[in-house]
């Protein structure tokens, strides 16, 4: 039964992929999945972790990212191709999700100079989230980005984030109170997959949550990253160039911990 439900959700996602420039309604997607509208929305949320509308929006921005670095199309033309009638609305949503404007994303070839996190609260929290991040055997040479986010989509400004140079332990200190999702994705050392294309056989992802954090929470949760599937929400936040991270790691290894590049508060290029 669960397999047939997942197959139905995959049909709806395939319909999204094939019509990113068109106006799609939940009714359209429910018909593609061959479910009633009400039942479709519930099962889609259960299988993917987000609503059909949020998934579609993420797919559109994911395609925009790809077009910005692989074509010379104007930002206006790209916004139309991914279903936006207003370039202003497109630019605003892109900037909020990816962490920079479409123009900056193109100029920097999809790599962020740094990833800023939420500032420390006036009364620092004593909450901590820690654990272990693992990769499949064939992906052991990849770095891992981990972050705490307010939603199930890897977008916008994380609460805390870090990059592991290899599978191993992670720890976030002074985690603000709230409800957060722990999201992770692998980063190839050659920097070719930092645009988070979920069609890439080299990309691995994982998610835990929601995590309810109080000011004194000590949460231990481990992540087993697995190859990304079409039902995994697209990751949108631009990351730093993996090649630069690898070089920074090599430079820092004699002085400290070789496992982690960043403090969990801000990842710098």
Protein backbone atom coordinates (compact mmCIF):
# COMPACT_ATOMS: atom_id res chain seq x y z
CA UNK A 1 0.00 0.00 0.00
CA UNK A 2 2.75 2.44 0.98
CA UNK A 3 4.58 1.72 -2.28
CA UNK A 4 1.48 2.56 -4.33
CA UNK A 5 1.05 5.83 -2.40
CA UNK A 6 4.68 6.78 -3.05
CA UNK A 7 4.24 5.94 -6.74
CA UNK A 8 1.22 8.26 -6.86
CA UNK A 9 3.22 11.08 -5.24
CA UNK A 10 6.02 10.51 -7.76
CA UNK A 11 3.47 10.90 -10.58
CA UNK A 12 2.41 14.24 -9.16
CA UNK A 13 6.04 15.38 -8.85
CA UNK A 14 6.72 14.30 -12.45
CA UNK A 15 3.76 16.47 -13.48
CA UNK A 16 5.33 19.39 -11.60
CA UNK A 17 8.65 18.87 -13.39
CA UNK A 18 6.94 18.80 -16.76
CA UNK A 19 4.90 21.96 -16.17
CA UNK A 20 7.07 24.32 -14.12
CA UNK A 21 6.20 27.26 -16.36
CA UNK A 22 2.46 26.61 -16.21
CA UNK A 23 -0.19 27.35 -13.62
CA UNK A 24 -0.74 24.14 -11.65
CA UNK A 25 -3.44 23.68 -9.04
CA UNK A 26 -3.78 21.07 -6.33
CA UNK A 27 -6.67 19.64 -8.37
CA UNK A 28 -4.31 19.15 -11.33
CA UNK A 29 -1.77 17.37 -9.16
CA UNK A 30 -4.39 15.23 -7.42
CA UNK A 31 -5.64 14.06 -10.82
CA UNK A 32 -2.07 13.14 -11.82
CA UNK A 33 -1.74 11.16 -8.59
CA UNK A 34 -5.22 9.64 -9.14
CA UNK A 35 -6.39 10.66 -5.68
CA UNK A 36 -9.08 12.95 -4.35
CA UNK A 37 -7.84 16.46 -3.60
CA UNK A 38 -8.17 16.03 0.17
CA UNK A 39 -6.51 12.61 0.27
CA UNK A 40 -3.74 13.73 -2.09
CA UNK A 41 -2.73 16.72 0.04
CA UNK A 42 -2.50 14.56 3.16
CA UNK A 43 -0.46 11.76 1.59
CA UNK A 44 1.82 14.18 -0.25
CA UNK A 45 2.66 15.93 3.02
CA UNK A 46 3.28 12.60 4.74
CA UNK A 47 5.57 11.25 2.00
CA UNK A 48 7.60 14.42 1.27
CA UNK A 49 7.32 16.34 4.54
CA UNK A 50 5.90 19.49 2.89
CA UNK A 51 2.76 20.56 1.04
CA UNK A 52 2.36 20.18 -2.74
CA UNK A 53 2.48 23.98 -3.15
CA UNK A 54 5.75 24.30 -1.22
CA UNK A 55 7.27 21.42 -3.19
CA UNK A 56 6.29 23.00 -6.51
CA UNK A 57 7.72 26.36 -5.46
CA UNK A 58 11.00 24.70 -4.47
CA UNK A 59 11.21 22.86 -7.81
CA UNK A 60 10.73 26.14 -9.66
CA UNK A 61 13.53 27.84 -7.77
CA UNK A 62 15.75 24.77 -8.19
CA UNK A 63 15.31 24.98 -11.96
CA UNK A 64 15.97 28.73 -11.86
CA UNK A 65 19.27 28.05 -10.08
CA UNK A 66 20.24 25.57 -12.79
CA UNK A 67 19.33 27.96 -15.61
CA UNK A 68 21.24 30.84 -14.04
CA UNK A 69 24.54 28.95 -14.03
CA UNK A 70 24.09 26.92 -17.22
CA UNK A 71 22.52 29.41 -19.67
CA UNK A 72 22.78 33.05 -20.69
CA UNK A 73 19.03 33.61 -20.39
CA UNK A 74 18.04 36.87 -18.71
CA UNK A 75 16.59 36.84 -15.21
CA UNK A 76 13.28 37.97 -16.69
CA UNK A 77 13.20 35.06 -19.16
CA UNK A 78 14.14 32.58 -16.44
CA UNK A 79 11.42 33.87 -14.13
CA UNK A 80 8.85 33.26 -16.89
CA UNK A 81 10.22 29.78 -17.63
CA UNK A 82 9.72 28.75 -14.02
CA UNK A 83 6.19 30.10 -13.73
CA UNK A 84 6.47 33.65 -12.36
CA UNK A 85 4.50 36.50 -13.90
CA UNK A 86 6.44 39.12 -11.94
CA UNK A 87 10.24 39.26 -12.03
CA UNK A 88 10.12 41.25 -8.78
CA UNK A 89 8.27 38.45 -6.99
CA UNK A 90 10.63 35.88 -8.46
CA UNK A 91 13.74 37.81 -7.38
CA UNK A 92 12.37 38.32 -3.88
CA UNK A 93 11.52 34.65 -3.36
CA UNK A 94 14.79 33.50 -4.92
CA UNK A 95 16.82 35.78 -2.65
CA UNK A 96 14.95 34.69 0.47
CA UNK A 97 15.36 30.97 -0.29
CA UNK A 98 18.81 30.83 -1.88
CA UNK A 99 20.49 33.49 0.24
CA UNK A 100 21.41 35.88 -2.57
CA UNK A 101 19.81 37.55 -5.58
CA UNK A 102 19.57 35.77 -8.96
CA UNK A 103 22.18 38.16 -10.38
CA UNK A 104 24.62 37.48 -7.53
CA UNK A 105 24.00 33.74 -7.79
CA UNK A 106 24.94 33.82 -11.47
CA UNK A 107 27.99 36.02 -10.87
CA UNK A 108 29.26 33.71 -8.13
CA UNK A 109 28.44 30.59 -10.19
CA UNK A 110 26.13 29.23 -7.52
CA UNK A 111 28.52 29.49 -4.58
CA UNK A 112 27.87 31.62 -1.50
CA UNK A 113 30.75 33.62 0.02
CA UNK A 114 29.43 32.59 3.45
CA UNK A 115 26.30 31.32 5.15
CA UNK A 116 24.97 33.54 7.90
CA UNK A 117 22.90 32.13 10.76
CA UNK A 118 20.44 33.74 13.14
CA UNK A 119 22.20 36.00 15.69
CA UNK A 120 22.60 34.82 19.28
CA UNK A 121 19.60 35.71 21.49
CA UNK A 122 19.94 38.35 24.22
CA UNK A 123 19.79 35.57 26.79
CA UNK A 124 22.01 32.81 25.34
CA UNK A 125 20.41 29.38 25.30
CA UNK A 126 22.11 26.39 26.89
CA UNK A 127 20.40 24.03 24.44
CA UNK A 128 22.56 21.67 22.42
CA UNK A 129 21.89 19.41 19.44
CA UNK A 130 24.54 16.80 18.69
CA UNK A 131 24.97 13.42 17.08
CA UNK A 132 26.67 11.54 14.27
CA UNK A 133 26.27 11.96 10.50
CA UNK A 134 26.91 8.93 8.25
CA UNK A 135 27.19 8.45 4.49
CA UNK A 136 26.80 5.34 2.31
CA UNK A 137 30.06 3.51 1.66
CA UNK A 138 30.44 4.80 -1.90
CA UNK A 139 30.13 8.45 -0.76
CA UNK A 140 32.67 8.47 2.07
CA UNK A 141 34.90 11.09 0.43
CA UNK A 142 32.20 13.78 0.49
CA UNK A 143 31.74 16.63 2.93
CA UNK A 144 28.42 17.03 4.75
CA UNK A 145 26.49 20.24 5.30
CA UNK A 146 24.18 20.20 8.33
CA UNK A 147 21.82 22.91 9.49
CA UNK A 148 18.86 23.59 11.73
CA UNK A 149 16.02 25.19 9.78
CA UNK A 150 12.51 26.37 10.67
CA UNK A 151 10.93 24.25 7.90
CA UNK A 152 11.51 20.93 6.15
CA UNK A 153 13.15 22.69 3.16
CA UNK A 154 16.84 23.53 3.14
CA UNK A 155 16.42 27.21 2.32
CA UNK A 156 16.86 30.64 3.83
CA UNK A 157 18.92 31.40 6.91
CA UNK A 158 19.62 28.42 9.17
CA UNK A 159 19.47 28.72 12.94
CA UNK A 160 22.83 26.95 13.19
CA UNK A 161 24.95 25.22 10.55
CA UNK A 162 28.24 23.42 10.08
CA UNK A 163 30.21 21.47 7.49
CA UNK A 164 31.85 18.13 8.29
CA UNK A 165 34.88 17.30 6.19
CA UNK A 166 33.95 13.61 6.49
CA UNK A 167 31.25 11.52 8.19
CA UNK A 168 31.45 11.84 11.95
CA UNK A 169 30.21 13.76 14.99
CA UNK A 170 28.57 17.18 14.90
CA UNK A 171 27.42 19.59 17.63
CA UNK A 172 25.37 22.78 17.71
CA UNK A 173 25.60 24.89 20.88
CA UNK A 174 23.40 27.78 22.07
CA UNK A 175 20.49 26.59 19.93
CA UNK A 176 17.57 29.03 20.23
CA UNK A 177 14.27 27.84 21.64
CA UNK A 178 11.79 26.81 18.97
CA UNK A 179 10.82 24.03 16.59
CA UNK A 180 13.56 23.16 14.13
CA UNK A 181 14.36 20.60 11.44
CA UNK A 182 17.83 19.10 11.22
CA UNK A 183 18.67 18.84 7.51
CA UNK A 184 21.81 17.45 5.91
CA UNK A 185 23.20 17.01 2.43
CA UNK A 186 26.50 15.83 1.02
CA UNK A 187 28.90 18.11 -0.86
CA UNK A 188 31.20 16.65 -3.51
CA UNK A 189 34.84 17.70 -3.11
CA UNK A 190 34.99 18.78 -6.74
CA UNK A 191 32.27 21.38 -6.12
CA UNK A 192 30.13 20.14 -9.00
CA UNK A 193 27.04 19.34 -6.96
CA UNK A 194 26.71 22.25 -4.58
CA UNK A 195 23.67 23.41 -6.56
CA UNK A 196 21.75 20.56 -4.90
CA UNK A 197 20.36 18.88 -7.98
CA UNK A 198 18.31 16.01 -6.53
CA UNK A 199 18.67 14.15 -9.84
CA UNK A 200 22.39 13.73 -9.15
CA UNK A 201 23.32 10.16 -8.18
CA UNK A 202 26.11 11.59 -6.02
CA UNK A 203 23.89 13.72 -3.78
CA UNK A 204 22.87 12.30 -0.41
CA UNK A 205 20.38 13.86 2.00
CA UNK A 206 18.78 13.31 5.41
CA UNK A 207 16.24 15.01 7.67
CA UNK A 208 15.17 14.77 11.30
CA UNK A 209 12.40 16.64 12.98
CA UNK A 210 10.56 18.53 14.03
CA UNK A 211 12.82 18.96 17.07
CA UNK A 212 11.22 20.81 19.97
CA UNK A 213 13.99 22.80 21.66
CA UNK A 214 13.77 24.54 25.03
CA UNK A 215 16.50 26.67 26.59
CA UNK A 216 17.99 23.65 28.39
CA UNK A 217 17.42 20.89 25.82
CA UNK A 218 20.22 18.40 25.20
CA UNK A 219 19.18 16.56 22.05
CA UNK A 220 21.20 13.72 20.55
CA UNK A 221 20.12 12.64 17.08
CA UNK A 222 22.07 10.88 14.38
CA UNK A 223 21.61 11.10 10.63
CA UNK A 224 22.11 8.41 8.00
CA UNK A 225 22.35 10.24 4.68
CA UNK A 226 21.00 8.33 1.68
CA UNK A 227 20.98 9.04 -2.07
CA UNK A 228 18.42 11.73 -2.85
CA UNK A 229 15.12 10.66 -4.38
CA UNK A 230 12.61 12.58 -6.45
CA UNK A 231 10.29 12.71 -3.40
CA UNK A 232 12.91 14.57 -1.31
CA UNK A 233 12.26 18.33 -1.21
CA UNK A 234 14.82 20.26 -3.29
CA UNK A 235 17.54 22.00 -1.28
CA UNK A 236 17.75 25.65 -2.26
CA UNK A 237 20.29 27.40 -0.04
CA UNK A 238 23.51 28.24 -1.89
CA UNK A 239 26.56 26.68 -0.23
CA UNK A 240 30.20 27.67 -0.38
CA UNK A 241 32.45 26.09 -3.01
CA UNK A 242 33.47 22.63 -1.80
CA UNK A 243 36.93 23.05 -3.30
CA UNK A 244 37.54 26.15 -1.15
CA UNK A 245 36.17 24.37 1.91
CA UNK A 246 38.53 21.46 1.32
CA UNK A 247 41.52 23.79 1.03
CA UNK A 248 40.45 25.66 4.17
CA UNK A 249 40.16 22.36 5.99
CA UNK A 250 43.68 21.29 4.97
CA UNK A 251 45.02 24.63 6.18
CA UNK A 252 43.26 24.27 9.56
CA UNK A 253 43.99 20.60 10.32
CA UNK A 254 47.34 21.13 12.07
CA UNK A 255 45.74 23.69 14.42
CA UNK A 256 42.58 21.91 15.53
CA UNK A 257 39.74 19.57 14.83
CA UNK A 258 39.97 18.19 11.28
CA UNK A 259 36.40 16.94 11.29
CA UNK A 260 34.47 20.20 11.19
CA UNK A 261 34.72 23.42 9.20
CA UNK A 262 32.70 25.96 11.22
CA UNK A 263 31.51 26.53 14.75
CA UNK A 264 27.84 25.82 14.15
CA UNK A 265 27.11 29.56 14.24
CA UNK A 266 28.36 30.65 10.85
CA UNK A 267 30.06 28.84 8.04
CA UNK A 268 32.63 30.97 6.28
CA UNK A 269 34.23 30.39 2.91
